[in-house]
PDB file of N, CA and C in Angstrom:
ATOM      1  N   MET A   1     -20.573 -34.995  46.394  1.00  0.00           N
ATOM      2  CA  MET A   1     -21.061 -34.008  45.366  1.00  0.00           C
ATOM      3  C   MET A   1     -21.006 -32.504  45.425  1.00  0.00           C
ATOM      4  N   LYS A   2     -21.076 -31.842  46.692  1.00  0.00           N
ATOM      5  CA  LYS A   2     -20.956 -30.718  47.139  1.00  0.00           C
ATOM      6  C   LYS A   2     -19.555 -30.052  46.636  1.00  0.00           C
ATOM      7  N   LYS A   3     -18.508 -30.989  46.911  1.00  0.00           N
ATOM      8  CA  LYS A   3     -17.151 -30.514  46.879  1.00  0.00           C
ATOM      9  C   LYS A   3     -16.806 -30.246  45.431  1.00  0.00           C
ATOM     10  N   LEU A   4     -17.300 -31.340  44.108  1.00  0.00           N
ATOM     11  CA  LEU A   4     -17.230 -30.931  42.890  1.00  0.00           C
ATOM     12  C   LEU A   4     -17.867 -29.954  42.442  1.00  0.00           C
ATOM     13  N   ILE A   5     -19.241 -29.209  42.874  1.00  0.00           N
ATOM     14  CA  ILE A   5     -19.499 -27.920  42.191  1.00  0.00           C
ATOM     15  C   ILE A   5     -18.509 -26.895  42.207  1.00  0.00           C
ATOM     16  N   PRO A   6     -17.973 -26.508  43.586  1.00  0.00           N
ATOM     17  CA  PRO A   6     -16.889 -25.240  43.431  1.00  0.00           C
ATOM     18  C   PRO A   6     -15.779 -25.545  42.707  1.00  0.00           C
ATOM     19  N   ILE A   7     -15.283 -27.067  42.532  1.00  0.00           N
ATOM     20  CA  ILE A   7     -14.005 -27.460  41.805  1.00  0.00           C
ATOM     21  C   ILE A   7     -14.170 -26.964  40.287  1.00  0.00           C
ATOM     22  N   PHE A   8     -15.851 -27.617  39.672  1.00  0.00           N
ATOM     23  CA  PHE A   8     -16.127 -27.714  38.428  1.00  0.00           C
ATOM     24  C   PHE A   8     -16.253 -25.765  38.013  1.00  0.00           C
ATOM     25  N   GLY A   9     -16.972 -25.226  39.197  1.00  0.00           N
ATOM     26  CA  GLY A   9     -17.027 -23.539  38.813  1.00  0.00           C
ATOM     27  C   GLY A   9     -15.903 -23.134  38.701  1.00  0.00           C
ATOM     28  N   ALA A  10     -14.513 -23.063  39.466  1.00  0.00           N
ATOM     29  CA  ALA A  10     -13.205 -22.840  39.306  1.00  0.00           C
ATOM     30  C   ALA A  10     -12.525 -23.098  38.077  1.00  0.00           C
ATOM     31  N   PHE A  11     -12.994 -24.311  37.542  1.00  0.00           N
ATOM     32  CA  PHE A  11     -12.810 -24.834  36.179  1.00  0.00           C
ATOM     33  C   PHE A  11     -13.003 -24.041  35.592  1.00  0.00           C
ATOM     34  N   ALA A  12     -14.299 -23.939  35.204  1.00  0.00           N
ATOM     35  CA  ALA A  12     -15.075 -23.116  33.916  1.00  0.00           C
ATOM     36  C   ALA A  12     -14.199 -21.572  33.860  1.00  0.00           C
ATOM     37  N   ILE A  13     -14.269 -21.256  35.255  1.00  0.00           N
ATOM     38  CA  ILE A  13     -14.217 -19.896  35.020  1.00  0.00           C
ATOM     39  C   ILE A  13     -12.459 -19.330  34.277  1.00  0.00           C
ATOM     40  N   ILE A  14     -11.711 -20.323  34.816  1.00  0.00           N
ATOM     41  CA  ILE A  14     -10.363 -20.350  34.327  1.00  0.00           C
ATOM     42  C   ILE A  14     -10.551 -20.669  32.819  1.00  0.00           C
ATOM     43  N   CYS A  15     -11.142 -21.619  32.450  1.00  0.00           N
ATOM     44  CA  CYS A  15     -11.464 -21.615  31.002  1.00  0.00           C
ATOM     45  C   CYS A  15     -11.914 -20.678  30.123  1.00  0.00           C
ATOM     46  N   VAL A  16     -12.759 -19.883  30.879  1.00  0.00           N
ATOM     47  CA  VAL A  16     -13.225 -18.568  30.075  1.00  0.00           C
ATOM     48  C   VAL A  16     -12.203 -17.625  30.323  1.00  0.00           C
ATOM     49  N   ILE A  17     -11.004 -17.171  31.167  1.00  0.00           N
ATOM     50  CA  ILE A  17     -10.289 -16.212  31.376  1.00  0.00           C
ATOM     51  C   ILE A  17      -9.566 -16.904  30.126  1.00  0.00           C
ATOM     52  N   ILE A  18      -9.010 -18.057  29.996  1.00  0.00           N
ATOM     53  CA  ILE A  18      -7.680 -18.481  29.072  1.00  0.00           C
ATOM     54  C   ILE A  18      -8.171 -17.996  27.598  1.00  0.00           C
ATOM     55  N   SER A  19      -9.700 -18.568  27.540  1.00  0.00           N
ATOM     56  CA  SER A  19     -10.400 -18.058  25.848  1.00  0.00           C
ATOM     57  C   SER A  19     -10.261 -16.947  25.839  1.00  0.00           C
ATOM     58  N   THR A  20     -10.432 -15.844  26.744  1.00  0.00           N
ATOM     59  CA  THR A  20     -10.591 -14.556  26.616  1.00  0.00           C
ATOM     60  C   THR A  20      -9.295 -13.926  25.973  1.00  0.00           C
ATOM     61  N   LEU A  21      -8.374 -14.559  26.534  1.00  0.00           N
ATOM     62  CA  LEU A  21      -6.788 -13.967  26.592  1.00  0.00           C
ATOM     63  C   LEU A  21      -6.349 -14.157  25.335  1.00  0.00           C
ATOM     64  N   THR A  22      -6.697 -15.903  24.879  1.00  0.00           N
ATOM     65  CA  THR A  22      -6.271 -16.368  23.331  1.00  0.00           C
ATOM     66  C   THR A  22      -7.008 -15.389  22.599  1.00  0.00           C
ATOM     67  N   ALA A  23      -8.182 -15.174  22.722  1.00  0.00           N
ATOM     68  CA  ALA A  23      -9.186 -14.429  21.501  1.00  0.00           C
ATOM     69  C   ALA A  23      -8.188 -12.764  21.193  1.00  0.00           C
ATOM     70  N   GLN A  24      -8.103 -12.542  22.816  1.00  0.00           N
ATOM     71  CA  GLN A  24      -7.364 -11.053  22.132  1.00  0.00           C
ATOM     72  C   GLN A  24      -5.914 -11.042  21.719  1.00  0.00           C
ATOM     73  N   SER A  25      -5.274 -12.000  22.169  1.00  0.00           N
ATOM     74  CA  SER A  25      -4.003 -12.405  21.328  1.00  0.00           C
ATOM     75  C   SER A  25      -4.284 -12.466  20.197  1.00  0.00           C
ATOM     76  N   LYS A  26      -5.175 -13.309  19.594  1.00  0.00           N
ATOM     77  CA  LYS A  26      -5.003 -13.429  18.089  1.00  0.00           C
ATOM     78  C   LYS A  26      -5.307 -12.023  17.279  1.00  0.00           C
ATOM     79  N   THR A  27      -6.339 -11.396  18.139  1.00  0.00           N
ATOM     80  CA  THR A  27      -7.074 -10.359  17.531  1.00  0.00           C
ATOM     81  C   THR A  27      -5.755  -9.190  17.247  1.00  0.00           C
ATOM     82  N   ASP A  28      -5.124  -9.006  18.289  1.00  0.00           N
ATOM     83  CA  ASP A  28      -3.757  -8.354  18.320  1.00  0.00           C
ATOM     84  C   ASP A  28      -2.764  -8.602  17.036  1.00  0.00           C
ATOM     85  N   THR A  29      -2.662  -9.954  17.000  1.00  0.00           N
ATOM     86  CA  THR A  29      -1.740 -10.468  16.327  1.00  0.00           C
ATOM     87  C   THR A  29      -2.381 -10.294  14.719  1.00  0.00           C
ATOM     88  N   GLN A  30      -3.798 -10.384  14.631  1.00  0.00           N
ATOM     89  CA  GLN A  30      -4.372  -9.998  12.956  1.00  0.00           C
ATOM     90  C   GLN A  30      -4.080  -8.552  12.821  1.00  0.00           C
ATOM     91  N   ASN A  31      -4.273  -7.757  13.763  1.00  0.00           N
ATOM     92  CA  ASN A  31      -4.196  -5.938  13.485  1.00  0.00           C
ATOM     93  C   ASN A  31      -3.001  -5.579  13.307  1.00  0.00           C
ATOM     94  N   VAL A  32      -1.815  -6.319  13.711  1.00  0.00           N
ATOM     95  CA  VAL A  32      -0.463  -5.931  13.551  1.00  0.00           C
ATOM     96  C   VAL A  32      -0.318  -6.373  12.156  1.00  0.00           C
ATOM     97  N   ASP A  33      -0.386  -7.950  11.578  1.00  0.00           N
ATOM     98  CA  ASP A  33      -0.446  -7.945  10.524  1.00  0.00           C
ATOM     99  C   ASP A  33      -1.221  -7.404   9.098  1.00  0.00           C
ATOM    100  N   ASN A  34      -2.256  -6.901   9.578  1.00  0.00           N
ATOM    101  CA  ASN A  34      -3.384  -5.864   8.471  1.00  0.00           C
ATOM    102  C   ASN A  34      -2.262  -4.618   8.626  1.00  0.00           C
ATOM    103  N   THR A  35      -1.730  -4.007   9.312  1.00  0.00           N
ATOM    104  CA  THR A  35      -1.089  -2.833   9.486  1.00  0.00           C
ATOM    105  C   THR A  35      -0.060  -2.944   8.606  1.00  0.00           C
ATOM    106  N   THR A  36       0.761  -4.028   8.733  1.00  0.00           N
ATOM    107  CA  THR A  36       1.904  -4.776   7.894  1.00  0.00           C
ATOM    108  C   THR A  36       1.460  -4.623   6.212  1.00  0.00           C
ATOM    109  N   GLN A  37       0.462  -5.221   6.080  1.00  0.00           N
ATOM    110  CA  GLN A  37       0.002  -5.521   4.680  1.00  0.00           C
ATOM    111  C   GLN A  37      -0.346  -4.064   4.095  1.00  0.00           C
ATOM    112  N   ALA A  38      -0.767  -3.367   5.129  1.00  0.00           N
ATOM    113  CA  ALA A  38      -1.505  -2.187   4.272  1.00  0.00           C
ATOM    114  C   ALA A  38       0.124  -1.051   4.260  1.00  0.00           C
ATOM    115  N   THR A  39       0.854  -1.449   4.889  1.00  0.00           N
ATOM    116  CA  THR A  39       2.047  -0.174   4.822  1.00  0.00           C
ATOM    117  C   THR A  39       2.719  -1.168   3.337  1.00  0.00           C
ATOM    118  N   VAL A  40       3.074  -2.120   3.480  1.00  0.00           N
ATOM    119  CA  VAL A  40       3.435  -2.784   2.180  1.00  0.00           C
ATOM    120  C   VAL A  40       2.697  -2.671   1.007  1.00  0.00           C
ATOM    121  N   SER A  41       1.437  -2.536   0.990  1.00  0.00           N
ATOM    122  CA  SER A  41       0.813  -1.868  -0.247  1.00  0.00           C
ATOM    123  C   SER A  41       0.566  -0.520  -0.795  1.00  0.00           C
ATOM    124  N   GLN A  42       0.923   0.162   0.286  1.00  0.00           N
ATOM    125  CA  GLN A  42       1.097   1.636   0.292  1.00  0.00           C
ATOM    126  C   GLN A  42       2.662   2.059  -0.416  1.00  0.00           C
ATOM    127  N   GLU A  43       3.776   1.191  -0.061  1.00  0.00           N
ATOM    128  CA  GLU A  43       4.917   1.245  -0.435  1.00  0.00           C
ATOM    129  C   GLU A  43       4.871   0.715  -2.296  1.00  0.00           C
ATOM    130  N   GLN A  44       4.071  -0.073  -2.493  1.00  0.00           N
ATOM    131  CA  GLN A  44       3.949  -0.675  -3.606  1.00  0.00           C
ATOM    132  C   GLN A  44       3.409   0.230  -4.731  1.00  0.00           C
ATOM    133  N   LYS A  45       2.384   1.326  -4.516  1.00  0.00           N
ATOM    134  CA  LYS A  45       1.429   1.839  -5.242  1.00  0.00           C
ATOM    135  C   LYS A  45       2.366   3.560  -5.352  1.00  0.00           C
ATOM    136  N   THR A  46       3.831   3.261  -4.902  1.00  0.00           N
ATOM    137  CA  THR A  46       4.531   4.524  -5.759  1.00  0.00           C
ATOM    138  C   THR A  46       4.353   4.712  -7.541  1.00  0.00           C
ATOM    139  N   TYR A  47       4.109   5.496  -7.701  1.00  0.00           N
ATOM    140  CA  TYR A  47       4.044   5.826  -9.364  1.00  0.00           C
ATOM    141  C   TYR A  47       5.420   7.056  -9.850  1.00  0.00           C
ATOM    142  N   MET A  48       5.840   6.611 -10.464  1.00  0.00           N
ATOM    143  CA  MET A  48       7.333   7.725 -11.269  1.00  0.00           C
ATOM    144  C   MET A  48       6.481   7.798 -12.376  1.00  0.00           C
ATOM    145  N   VAL A  49       6.328   9.554 -12.893  1.00  0.00           N
ATOM    146  CA  VAL A  49       5.891   9.616 -14.447  1.00  0.00           C
ATOM    147  C   VAL A  49       7.388  10.019 -14.574  1.00  0.00           C
ATOM    148  N   LYS A  50       7.977   9.780 -16.069  1.00  0.00           N
ATOM    149  CA  LYS A  50       9.231   9.708 -16.327  1.00  0.00           C
ATOM    150  C   LYS A  50       9.216   9.599 -18.198  1.00  0.00           C
ATOM    151  N   SER A  51      10.676  10.079 -18.531  1.00  0.00           N
ATOM    152  CA  SER A  51      10.892   9.435 -20.023  1.00  0.00           C
ATOM    153  C   SER A  51      11.281   8.478 -20.201  1.00  0.00           C
ATOM    154  N   GLN A  52      11.046   7.488 -21.073  1.00  0.00           N
ATOM    155  CA  GLN A  52      11.878   6.362 -21.329  1.00  0.00           C
ATOM    156  C   GLN A  52      11.615   6.166 -22.982  1.00  0.00           C
ATOM    157  N   ASN A  53      12.729   5.760 -23.778  1.00  0.00           N
ATOM    158  CA  ASN A  53      12.620   5.883 -25.118  1.00  0.00           C
ATOM    159  C   ASN A  53      11.893   6.713 -25.800  1.00  0.00           C
ATOM    160  N   GLY A  54      12.180   8.029 -25.287  1.00  0.00           N
ATOM    161  CA  GLY A  54      11.644   9.145 -25.995  1.00  0.00           C
ATOM    162  C   GLY A  54       9.802   9.657 -25.795  1.00  0.00           C
ATOM    163  N   ARG A  55       9.648   9.266 -24.892  1.00  0.00           N
ATOM    164  CA  ARG A  55       7.976   9.220 -24.689  1.00  0.00           C
ATOM    165  C   ARG A  55       7.514   9.022 -23.256  1.00  0.00           C
ATOM    166  N   ILE A  56       6.606   9.730 -22.737  1.00  0.00           N
ATOM    167  CA  ILE A  56       6.217   9.495 -21.108  1.00  0.00           C
ATOM    168  C   ILE A  56       5.464   8.438 -20.560  1.00  0.00           C
ATOM    169  N   VAL A  57       6.235   8.146 -19.898  1.00  0.00           N
ATOM    170  CA  VAL A  57       5.677   6.740 -19.338  1.00  0.00           C
ATOM    171  C   VAL A  57       5.423   6.748 -17.848  1.00  0.00           C
ATOM    172  N   VAL A  58       4.721   5.869 -17.473  1.00  0.00           N
ATOM    173  CA  VAL A  58       4.327   5.772 -15.699  1.00  0.00           C
ATOM    174  C   VAL A  58       4.946   4.459 -15.555  1.00  0.00           C
ATOM    175  N   MET A  59       5.514   4.497 -14.318  1.00  0.00           N
ATOM    176  CA  MET A  59       6.040   3.325 -13.634  1.00  0.00           C
ATOM    177  C   MET A  59       5.756   3.053 -12.443  1.00  0.00           C
ATOM    178  N   CYS A  60       5.223   1.649 -11.693  1.00  0.00           N
ATOM    179  CA  CYS A  60       4.751   1.312 -10.565  1.00  0.00           C
ATOM    180  C   CYS A  60       5.979   0.544  -9.978  1.00  0.00           C
ATOM    181  N   GLY A  61       6.923   0.710  -9.087  1.00  0.00           N
ATOM    182  CA  GLY A  61       7.866   0.270  -8.877  1.00  0.00           C
ATOM    183  C   GLY A  61       9.056   0.089 -10.092  1.00  0.00           C
ATOM    184  N   ASP A  62       9.324  -0.844 -10.410  1.00  0.00           N
ATOM    185  CA  ASP A  62      10.425  -1.455 -11.437  1.00  0.00           C
ATOM    186  C   ASP A  62       9.159  -1.498 -12.882  1.00  0.00           C
ATOM    187  N   GLU A  63       8.004  -1.650 -12.756  1.00  0.00           N
ATOM    188  CA  GLU A  63       7.645  -2.167 -13.907  1.00  0.00           C
ATOM    189  C   GLU A  63       6.586  -1.023 -14.739  1.00  0.00           C
ATOM    190  N   LEU A  64       6.372  -1.181 -16.167  1.00  0.00           N
ATOM    191  CA  LEU A  64       6.256  -0.184 -16.449  1.00  0.00           C
ATOM    192  C   LEU A  64       4.612  -0.273 -16.327  1.00  0.00           C
ATOM    193  N   TYR A  65       3.779   0.303 -16.258  1.00  0.00           N
ATOM    194  CA  TYR A  65       2.420   0.788 -15.792  1.00  0.00           C
ATOM    195  C   TYR A  65       1.528   1.181 -16.755  1.00  0.00           C
ATOM    196  N   TYR A  66       2.230   2.272 -17.705  1.00  0.00           N
ATOM    197  CA  TYR A  66       1.688   3.069 -18.902  1.00  0.00           C
ATOM    198  C   TYR A  66       2.628   3.847 -19.589  1.00  0.00           C
ATOM    199  N   ARG A  67       2.175   3.582 -20.781  1.00  0.00           N
ATOM    200  CA  ARG A  67       2.869   4.411 -21.517  1.00  0.00           C
ATOM    201  C   ARG A  67       2.198   5.228 -22.657  1.00  0.00           C
ATOM    202  N   THR A  68       2.742   6.446 -22.476  1.00  0.00           N
ATOM    203  CA  THR A  68       1.640   7.639 -23.947  1.00  0.00           C
ATOM    204  C   THR A  68       2.281   7.691 -24.862  1.00  0.00           C
ATOM    205  N   THR A  69       1.835   8.042 -25.772  1.00  0.00           N
ATOM    206  CA  THR A  69       2.169   8.450 -27.229  1.00  0.00           C
ATOM    207  C   THR A  69       2.792   9.785 -27.018  1.00  0.00           C
ATOM    208  N   THR A  70       2.589  10.655 -26.469  1.00  0.00           N
ATOM    209  CA  THR A  70       3.482  11.845 -26.326  1.00  0.00           C
ATOM    210  C   THR A  70       5.057  11.685 -26.172  1.00  0.00           C
ATOM    211  N   ALA A  71       5.660  12.210 -27.274  1.00  0.00           N
ATOM    212  CA  ALA A  71       7.166  12.583 -27.484  1.00  0.00           C
ATOM    213  C   ALA A  71       7.667  13.344 -26.542  1.00  0.00           C
ATOM    214  N   VAL A  72       8.717  13.093 -25.613  1.00  0.00           N
ATOM    215  CA  VAL A  72       8.971  14.162 -24.978  1.00  0.00           C
ATOM    216  C   VAL A  72       9.804  15.086 -25.520  1.00  0.00           C
ATOM    217  N   SER A  73      10.333  14.731 -26.622  1.00  0.00           N
ATOM    218  CA  SER A  73      10.973  16.275 -27.526  1.00  0.00           C
ATOM    219  C   SER A  73      10.089  17.095 -27.945  1.00  0.00           C
ATOM    220  N   THR A  74       8.934  17.093 -27.754  1.00  0.00           N
ATOM    221  CA  THR A  74       7.896  18.394 -28.140  1.00  0.00           C
ATOM    222  C   THR A  74       7.750  19.154 -26.792  1.00  0.00           C
ATOM    223  N   LEU A  75       8.414  18.815 -25.809  1.00  0.00           N
ATOM    224  CA  LEU A  75       8.226  19.806 -24.364  1.00  0.00           C
ATOM    225  C   LEU A  75       9.230  20.671 -23.924  1.00  0.00           C
ATOM    226  N   PRO A  76       8.939  21.425 -23.446  1.00  0.00           N
ATOM    227  CA  PRO A  76      10.113  22.697 -23.547  1.00  0.00           C
ATOM    228  C   PRO A  76      11.496  21.727 -22.650  1.00  0.00           C
ATOM    229  N   LYS A  77      12.659  22.256 -22.716  1.00  0.00           N
ATOM    230  CA  LYS A  77      13.536  21.529 -22.082  1.00  0.00           C
ATOM    231  C   LYS A  77      13.266  21.598 -20.432  1.00  0.00           C
ATOM    232  N   LYS A  78      13.068  22.555 -20.134  1.00  0.00           N
ATOM    233  CA  LYS A  78      12.552  22.351 -18.614  1.00  0.00           C
ATOM    234  C   LYS A  78      11.753  21.067 -18.299  1.00  0.00           C
ATOM    235  N   ASP A  79      11.116  20.740 -19.243  1.00  0.00           N
ATOM    236  CA  ASP A  79      10.178  19.751 -18.627  1.00  0.00           C
ATOM    237  C   ASP A  79      10.600  18.702 -19.087  1.00  0.00           C
ATOM    238  N   GLN A  80      11.494  18.528 -20.153  1.00  0.00           N
ATOM    239  CA  GLN A  80      12.557  17.590 -20.341  1.00  0.00           C
ATOM    240  C   GLN A  80      13.395  16.645 -19.418  1.00  0.00           C
ATOM    241  N   LYS A  81      14.186  18.143 -18.825  1.00  0.00           N
ATOM    242  CA  LYS A  81      15.024  17.538 -17.672  1.00  0.00           C
ATOM    243  C   LYS A  81      14.368  16.986 -16.404  1.00  0.00           C
ATOM    244  N   ILE A  82      12.926  17.868 -16.037  1.00  0.00           N
ATOM    245  CA  ILE A  82      12.279  17.132 -14.937  1.00  0.00           C
ATOM    246  C   ILE A  82      11.359  15.763 -15.059  1.00  0.00           C
ATOM    247  N   LEU A  83      11.398  15.603 -16.448  1.00  0.00           N
ATOM    248  CA  LEU A  83      10.798  14.125 -16.804  1.00  0.00           C
ATOM    249  C   LEU A  83      12.349  13.100 -16.744  1.00  0.00           C
ATOM    250  N   LEU A  84      13.331  13.308 -17.185  1.00  0.00           N
ATOM    251  CA  LEU A  84      14.376  12.394 -17.256  1.00  0.00           C
ATOM    252  C   LEU A  84      14.723  11.833 -15.745  1.00  0.00           C
ATOM    253  N   TYR A  85      14.331  12.846 -15.040  1.00  0.00           N
ATOM    254  CA  TYR A  85      14.579  12.379 -13.541  1.00  0.00           C
ATOM    255  C   TYR A  85      13.255  11.705 -12.513  1.00  0.00           C
ATOM    256  N   GLY A  86      12.257  11.999 -13.307  1.00  0.00           N
ATOM    257  CA  GLY A  86      11.021  11.586 -13.224  1.00  0.00           C
ATOM    258  C   GLY A  86      10.043  12.339 -11.956  1.00  0.00           C
ATOM    259  N   ILE A  87       9.118  12.147 -11.934  1.00  0.00           N
ATOM    260  CA  ILE A  87       8.164  12.962 -10.858  1.00  0.00           C
ATOM    261  C   ILE A  87       7.164  11.775 -10.119  1.00  0.00           C
ATOM    262  N   LYS A  88       7.656  11.722  -8.721  1.00  0.00           N
ATOM    263  CA  LYS A  88       6.878  10.665  -7.747  1.00  0.00           C
ATOM    264  C   LYS A  88       5.251  11.143  -7.690  1.00  0.00           C
ATOM    265  N   ALA A  89       4.545  10.164  -7.905  1.00  0.00           N
ATOM    266  CA  ALA A  89       3.224  10.312  -7.303  1.00  0.00           C
ATOM    267  C   ALA A  89       2.626   9.185  -6.626  1.00  0.00           C
ATOM    268  N   GLN A  90       1.644   9.325  -5.721  1.00  0.00           N
ATOM    269  CA  GLN A  90       1.316   8.498  -5.035  1.00  0.00           C
ATOM    270  C   GLN A  90      -0.101   7.891  -4.937  1.00  0.00           C
ATOM    271  N   THR A  91      -0.902   8.576  -5.674  1.00  0.00           N
ATOM    272  CA  THR A  91      -2.165   8.047  -6.398  1.00  0.00           C
ATOM    273  C   THR A  91      -2.229   7.833  -7.626  1.00  0.00           C
ATOM    274  N   LEU A  92      -2.926   7.162  -8.211  1.00  0.00           N
ATOM    275  CA  LEU A  92      -3.264   7.240  -9.757  1.00  0.00           C
ATOM    276  C   LEU A  92      -3.961   8.475 -10.177  1.00  0.00           C
ATOM    277  N   GLU A  93      -4.496   9.188  -9.332  1.00  0.00           N
ATOM    278  CA  GLU A  93      -5.173  10.735  -9.452  1.00  0.00           C
ATOM    279  C   GLU A  93      -4.238  11.847  -9.627  1.00  0.00           C
ATOM    280  N   GLU A  94      -3.345  11.667  -8.955  1.00  0.00           N
ATOM    281  CA  GLU A  94      -2.006  12.497  -8.988  1.00  0.00           C
ATOM    282  C   GLU A  94      -1.281  12.641 -10.261  1.00  0.00           C
ATOM    283  N   VAL A  95      -1.179  11.212 -10.656  1.00  0.00           N
ATOM    284  CA  VAL A  95      -0.509  10.379 -11.952  1.00  0.00           C
ATOM    285  C   VAL A  95      -1.232  11.414 -13.214  1.00  0.00           C
ATOM    286  N   GLU A  96      -2.812  11.092 -12.770  1.00  0.00           N
ATOM    287  CA  GLU A  96      -3.483  11.790 -14.072  1.00  0.00           C
ATOM    288  C   GLU A  96      -3.217  13.011 -14.146  1.00  0.00           C
ATOM    289  N   LEU A  97      -3.428  14.034 -13.071  1.00  0.00           N
ATOM    290  CA  LEU A  97      -3.027  15.324 -13.256  1.00  0.00           C
ATOM    291  C   LEU A  97      -1.820  15.554 -14.147  1.00  0.00           C
ATOM    292  N   ILE A  98      -0.496  14.930 -13.557  1.00  0.00           N
ATOM    293  CA  ILE A  98       0.393  14.855 -13.953  1.00  0.00           C
ATOM    294  C   ILE A  98       0.479  14.751 -15.879  1.00  0.00           C
ATOM    295  N   LEU A  99      -0.060  13.976 -16.140  1.00  0.00           N
ATOM    296  CA  LEU A  99      -0.301  13.362 -17.629  1.00  0.00           C
ATOM    297  C   LEU A  99      -0.752  14.599 -18.528  1.00  0.00           C
ATOM    298  N   ARG A 100      -1.946  14.771 -17.494  1.00  0.00           N
ATOM    299  CA  ARG A 100      -2.925  16.188 -18.344  1.00  0.00           C
ATOM    300  C   ARG A 100      -2.034  17.561 -18.487  1.00  0.00           C
ATOM    301  N   ASP A 101      -1.000  17.746 -17.645  1.00  0.00           N
ATOM    302  CA  ASP A 101      -0.127  19.075 -18.167  1.00  0.00           C
ATOM    303  C   ASP A 101       0.715  18.684 -18.592  1.00  0.00           C
ATOM    304  N   TYR A 102       0.990  17.496 -19.315  1.00  0.00           N
ATOM    305  CA  TYR A 102       2.179  17.091 -20.126  1.00  0.00           C
ATOM    306  C   TYR A 102       1.912  16.328 -21.564  1.00  0.00           C
ATOM    307  N   CYS A 103       0.799  15.907 -21.462  1.00  0.00           N
ATOM    308  CA  CYS A 103      -0.007  15.259 -22.891  1.00  0.00           C
ATOM    309  C   CYS A 103      -1.001  15.824 -23.150  1.00  0.00           C
ATOM    310  N   SER A 104      -1.334  17.062 -23.064  1.00  0.00           N
ATOM    311  CA  SER A 104      -2.607  17.850 -23.798  1.00  0.00           C
ATOM    312  C   SER A 104      -2.039  18.806 -24.145  1.00  0.00           C
TER     313      SER A 104
END
């Protein structure tokens, strides 16, 4: 019986160490997954304010996000050319500022 106590103790310590290492490995994997998801989310949130069919529109990736009623032809030629190539915006706040400049 006295021989079983040290063996059981050693077994318990080994189990605790393995559990700790496994839990740490899972946490590291989750952190990498979260970082990857954040990067993908940031990439998908790039907006482009540009002209399309004679109106100012906001694109999110390849999809139409918002269409204004402002006709591009009412703007100065310089602004029309800028909108032809598009203006990148990283946040909706930036989009709002750009639209205020062109649509007011």
